[in-house]
Protein backbone atom coordinates (compact mmCIF):
# COMPACT_ATOMS: atom_id res chain seq x y z
CA UNK A 1 0.00 0.00 0.00
CA UNK A 2 1.17 3.54 -0.65
CA UNK A 3 1.46 6.18 2.04
CA UNK A 4 -1.29 8.20 0.34
CA UNK A 5 -3.58 5.16 0.27
CA UNK A 6 -3.03 4.53 3.95
CA UNK A 7 -3.76 8.15 4.81
CA UNK A 8 -6.96 8.16 2.75
CA UNK A 9 -8.16 4.91 4.36
CA UNK A 10 -7.51 6.28 7.87
CA UNK A 11 -9.27 9.57 7.14
CA UNK A 12 -12.31 7.80 5.67
CA UNK A 13 -12.54 5.62 8.80
CA UNK A 14 -12.47 8.58 11.17
CA UNK A 15 -15.66 10.27 12.36
CA UNK A 16 -13.75 12.72 14.57
CA UNK A 17 -14.22 16.48 14.27
CA UNK A 18 -10.66 16.72 12.96
CA UNK A 19 -8.15 14.05 11.97
CA UNK A 20 -4.48 14.07 11.05
CA UNK A 21 -2.46 11.22 9.54
CA UNK A 22 1.35 11.15 9.44
CA UNK A 23 2.87 8.21 7.54
CA UNK A 24 6.64 7.79 7.20
CA UNK A 25 8.48 5.07 5.32
CA UNK A 26 12.01 4.35 6.48
CA UNK A 27 14.62 2.57 4.38
CA UNK A 28 17.62 1.42 6.40
CA UNK A 29 20.71 -0.42 5.21
CA UNK A 30 23.76 -1.78 6.97
CA UNK A 31 26.97 -3.20 5.53
CA UNK A 32 29.62 -4.83 7.72
CA UNK A 33 33.19 -5.37 6.66
CA UNK A 34 35.87 -7.74 7.94
CA UNK A 35 39.35 -8.13 6.46
CA UNK A 36 38.46 -5.64 3.70
CA UNK A 37 35.53 -7.79 2.52
CA UNK A 38 31.81 -7.36 2.91
CA UNK A 39 30.57 -10.16 5.15
CA UNK A 40 27.06 -8.88 5.91
CA UNK A 41 24.69 -6.65 3.96
CA UNK A 42 21.21 -6.02 5.36
CA UNK A 43 18.41 -3.78 4.13
CA UNK A 44 15.05 -3.15 5.77
CA UNK A 45 11.99 -1.08 4.89
CA UNK A 46 9.70 -0.06 7.71
CA UNK A 47 6.66 2.15 8.33
CA UNK A 48 5.61 4.43 11.14
CA UNK A 49 2.06 5.71 10.98
CA UNK A 50 0.41 8.09 13.43
CA UNK A 51 -3.25 9.11 13.54
CA UNK A 52 -4.44 12.03 15.68
CA UNK A 53 -8.15 12.61 16.26
CA UNK A 54 -9.81 15.64 17.84
CA UNK A 55 -13.26 15.44 19.40
CA UNK A 56 -14.04 18.98 20.48
CA UNK A 57 -11.15 19.94 22.73
CA UNK A 58 -10.01 16.35 23.31
CA UNK A 59 -7.14 14.88 21.29
CA UNK A 60 -6.13 11.23 21.02
CA UNK A 61 -3.18 9.63 19.25
CA UNK A 62 -2.59 6.10 17.94
CA UNK A 63 0.72 4.84 16.45
CA UNK A 64 1.59 1.65 14.55
CA UNK A 65 4.13 0.16 12.17
CA UNK A 66 1.45 -1.70 10.18
CA UNK A 67 0.54 0.19 6.98
CA UNK A 68 -2.34 -2.04 5.84
CA UNK A 69 -5.89 -0.85 5.09
CA UNK A 70 -7.22 -2.76 8.10
CA UNK A 71 -4.65 -1.11 10.35
CA UNK A 72 -5.64 2.35 9.05
CA UNK A 73 -9.24 1.81 10.16
CA UNK A 74 -8.18 0.38 13.55
CA UNK A 75 -5.81 3.30 14.17
CA UNK A 76 -8.49 5.88 13.37
CA UNK A 77 -10.91 4.21 15.80
CA UNK A 78 -8.22 3.84 18.49
CA UNK A 79 -7.27 7.53 18.17
CA UNK A 80 -10.93 8.51 18.66
CA UNK A 81 -11.25 6.19 21.66
CA UNK A 82 -8.12 7.74 23.17
CA UNK A 83 -9.53 11.23 22.57
CA UNK A 84 -12.71 10.34 24.48
CA UNK A 85 -10.55 9.45 27.50
CA UNK A 86 -8.74 12.78 27.57
CA UNK A 87 -9.86 15.79 29.60
CA UNK A 88 -11.31 18.71 27.64
CA UNK A 89 -8.63 21.26 26.66
CA UNK A 90 -10.27 24.71 26.40
CA UNK A 91 -7.12 26.11 24.72
CA UNK A 92 -7.12 23.60 21.86
CA UNK A 93 -7.29 25.65 18.65
CA UNK A 94 -7.53 22.71 16.25
CA UNK A 95 -5.05 21.14 13.85
CA UNK A 96 -3.21 23.17 11.23
CA UNK A 97 -5.05 23.52 7.93
CA UNK A 98 -3.65 21.68 4.90
C-alpha atoms as a PDB file:
ATOM      1  CA  UNK A   1       0.000   0.000   0.000  1.00  0.00           C
ATOM      2  CA  UNK A   2       1.169   3.543  -0.652  1.00  0.00           C
ATOM      3  CA  UNK A   3       1.456   6.182   2.039  1.00  0.00           C
ATOM      4  CA  UNK A   4      -1.288   8.197   0.339  1.00  0.00           C
ATOM      5  CA  UNK A   5      -3.580   5.160   0.267  1.00  0.00           C
ATOM      6  CA  UNK A   6      -3.027   4.525   3.945  1.00  0.00           C
ATOM      7  CA  UNK A   7      -3.764   8.153   4.812  1.00  0.00           C
ATOM      8  CA  UNK A   8      -6.962   8.158   2.745  1.00  0.00           C
ATOM      9  CA  UNK A   9      -8.163   4.911   4.365  1.00  0.00           C
ATOM     10  CA  UNK A  10      -7.507   6.280   7.866  1.00  0.00           C
ATOM     11  CA  UNK A  11      -9.269   9.572   7.143  1.00  0.00           C
ATOM     12  CA  UNK A  12     -12.313   7.798   5.669  1.00  0.00           C
ATOM     13  CA  UNK A  13     -12.543   5.623   8.801  1.00  0.00           C
ATOM     14  CA  UNK A  14     -12.471   8.581  11.171  1.00  0.00           C
ATOM     15  CA  UNK A  15     -15.658  10.266  12.363  1.00  0.00           C
ATOM     16  CA  UNK A  16     -13.751  12.720  14.569  1.00  0.00           C
ATOM     17  CA  UNK A  17     -14.225  16.478  14.270  1.00  0.00           C
ATOM     18  CA  UNK A  18     -10.656  16.725  12.964  1.00  0.00           C
ATOM     19  CA  UNK A  19      -8.146  14.055  11.969  1.00  0.00           C
ATOM     20  CA  UNK A  20      -4.479  14.065  11.053  1.00  0.00           C
ATOM     21  CA  UNK A  21      -2.455  11.224   9.538  1.00  0.00           C
ATOM     22  CA  UNK A  22       1.348  11.147   9.440  1.00  0.00           C
ATOM     23  CA  UNK A  23       2.874   8.214   7.538  1.00  0.00           C
ATOM     24  CA  UNK A  24       6.635   7.792   7.204  1.00  0.00           C
ATOM     25  CA  UNK A  25       8.478   5.070   5.322  1.00  0.00           C
ATOM     26  CA  UNK A  26      12.009   4.350   6.482  1.00  0.00           C
ATOM     27  CA  UNK A  27      14.623   2.567   4.380  1.00  0.00           C
ATOM     28  CA  UNK A  28      17.619   1.418   6.397  1.00  0.00           C
ATOM     29  CA  UNK A  29      20.715  -0.417   5.212  1.00  0.00           C
ATOM     30  CA  UNK A  30      23.764  -1.782   6.970  1.00  0.00           C
ATOM     31  CA  UNK A  31      26.974  -3.202   5.533  1.00  0.00           C
ATOM     32  CA  UNK A  32      29.623  -4.830   7.716  1.00  0.00           C
ATOM     33  CA  UNK A  33      33.189  -5.367   6.659  1.00  0.00           C
ATOM     34  CA  UNK A  34      35.872  -7.744   7.943  1.00  0.00           C
ATOM     35  CA  UNK A  35      39.351  -8.132   6.461  1.00  0.00           C
ATOM     36  CA  UNK A  36      38.464  -5.641   3.697  1.00  0.00           C
ATOM     37  CA  UNK A  37      35.527  -7.792   2.519  1.00  0.00           C
ATOM     38  CA  UNK A  38      31.807  -7.362   2.913  1.00  0.00           C
ATOM     39  CA  UNK A  39      30.573 -10.159   5.153  1.00  0.00           C
ATOM     40  CA  UNK A  40      27.059  -8.880   5.907  1.00  0.00           C
ATOM     41  CA  UNK A  41      24.690  -6.652   3.964  1.00  0.00           C
ATOM     42  CA  UNK A  42      21.208  -6.021   5.360  1.00  0.00           C
ATOM     43  CA  UNK A  43      18.410  -3.783   4.125  1.00  0.00           C
ATOM     44  CA  UNK A  44      15.049  -3.153   5.769  1.00  0.00           C
ATOM     45  CA  UNK A  45      11.986  -1.082   4.891  1.00  0.00           C
ATOM     46  CA  UNK A  46       9.696  -0.059   7.710  1.00  0.00           C
ATOM     47  CA  UNK A  47       6.658   2.146   8.327  1.00  0.00           C
ATOM     48  CA  UNK A  48       5.607   4.434  11.138  1.00  0.00           C
ATOM     49  CA  UNK A  49       2.064   5.706  10.983  1.00  0.00           C
ATOM     50  CA  UNK A  50       0.408   8.094  13.426  1.00  0.00           C
ATOM     51  CA  UNK A  51      -3.254   9.114  13.542  1.00  0.00           C
ATOM     52  CA  UNK A  52      -4.442  12.030  15.677  1.00  0.00           C
ATOM     53  CA  UNK A  53      -8.147  12.614  16.264  1.00  0.00           C
ATOM     54  CA  UNK A  54      -9.813  15.639  17.837  1.00  0.00           C
ATOM     55  CA  UNK A  55     -13.259  15.445  19.398  1.00  0.00           C
ATOM     56  CA  UNK A  56     -14.042  18.976  20.482  1.00  0.00           C
ATOM     57  CA  UNK A  57     -11.145  19.940  22.730  1.00  0.00           C
ATOM     58  CA  UNK A  58     -10.013  16.353  23.309  1.00  0.00           C
ATOM     59  CA  UNK A  59      -7.142  14.876  21.291  1.00  0.00           C
ATOM     60  CA  UNK A  60      -6.134  11.227  21.019  1.00  0.00           C
ATOM     61  CA  UNK A  61      -3.182   9.629  19.249  1.00  0.00           C
ATOM     62  CA  UNK A  62      -2.589   6.103  17.936  1.00  0.00           C
ATOM     63  CA  UNK A  63       0.718   4.841  16.449  1.00  0.00           C
ATOM     64  CA  UNK A  64       1.594   1.653  14.549  1.00  0.00           C
ATOM     65  CA  UNK A  65       4.134   0.162  12.173  1.00  0.00           C
ATOM     66  CA  UNK A  66       1.455  -1.703  10.181  1.00  0.00           C
ATOM     67  CA  UNK A  67       0.542   0.189   6.984  1.00  0.00           C
ATOM     68  CA  UNK A  68      -2.338  -2.044   5.841  1.00  0.00           C
ATOM     69  CA  UNK A  69      -5.885  -0.849   5.087  1.00  0.00           C
ATOM     70  CA  UNK A  70      -7.216  -2.759   8.097  1.00  0.00           C
ATOM     71  CA  UNK A  71      -4.649  -1.114  10.345  1.00  0.00           C
ATOM     72  CA  UNK A  72      -5.637   2.347   9.049  1.00  0.00           C
ATOM     73  CA  UNK A  73      -9.237   1.807  10.159  1.00  0.00           C
ATOM     74  CA  UNK A  74      -8.179   0.383  13.547  1.00  0.00           C
ATOM     75  CA  UNK A  75      -5.810   3.300  14.174  1.00  0.00           C
ATOM     76  CA  UNK A  76      -8.486   5.877  13.374  1.00  0.00           C
ATOM     77  CA  UNK A  77     -10.909   4.212  15.801  1.00  0.00           C
ATOM     78  CA  UNK A  78      -8.222   3.843  18.487  1.00  0.00           C
ATOM     79  CA  UNK A  79      -7.268   7.526  18.175  1.00  0.00           C
ATOM     80  CA  UNK A  80     -10.927   8.512  18.655  1.00  0.00           C
ATOM     81  CA  UNK A  81     -11.251   6.185  21.656  1.00  0.00           C
ATOM     82  CA  UNK A  82      -8.121   7.740  23.174  1.00  0.00           C
ATOM     83  CA  UNK A  83      -9.534  11.232  22.566  1.00  0.00           C
ATOM     84  CA  UNK A  84     -12.705  10.338  24.481  1.00  0.00           C
ATOM     85  CA  UNK A  85     -10.549   9.445  27.499  1.00  0.00           C
ATOM     86  CA  UNK A  86      -8.742  12.784  27.573  1.00  0.00           C
ATOM     87  CA  UNK A  87      -9.861  15.793  29.596  1.00  0.00           C
ATOM     88  CA  UNK A  88     -11.313  18.711  27.645  1.00  0.00           C
ATOM     89  CA  UNK A  89      -8.635  21.262  26.662  1.00  0.00           C
ATOM     90  CA  UNK A  90     -10.267  24.710  26.397  1.00  0.00           C
ATOM     91  CA  UNK A  91      -7.120  26.114  24.721  1.00  0.00           C
ATOM     92  CA  UNK A  92      -7.123  23.598  21.862  1.00  0.00           C
ATOM     93  CA  UNK A  93      -7.294  25.645  18.655  1.00  0.00           C
ATOM     94  CA  UNK A  94      -7.526  22.714  16.251  1.00  0.00           C
ATOM     95  CA  UNK A  95      -5.046  21.145  13.851  1.00  0.00           C
ATOM     96  CA  UNK A  96      -3.211  23.174  11.230  1.00  0.00           C
ATOM     97  CA  UNK A  97      -5.049  23.520   7.934  1.00  0.00           C
ATOM     98  CA  UNK A  98      -3.654  21.676   4.896  1.00  0.00           C
END
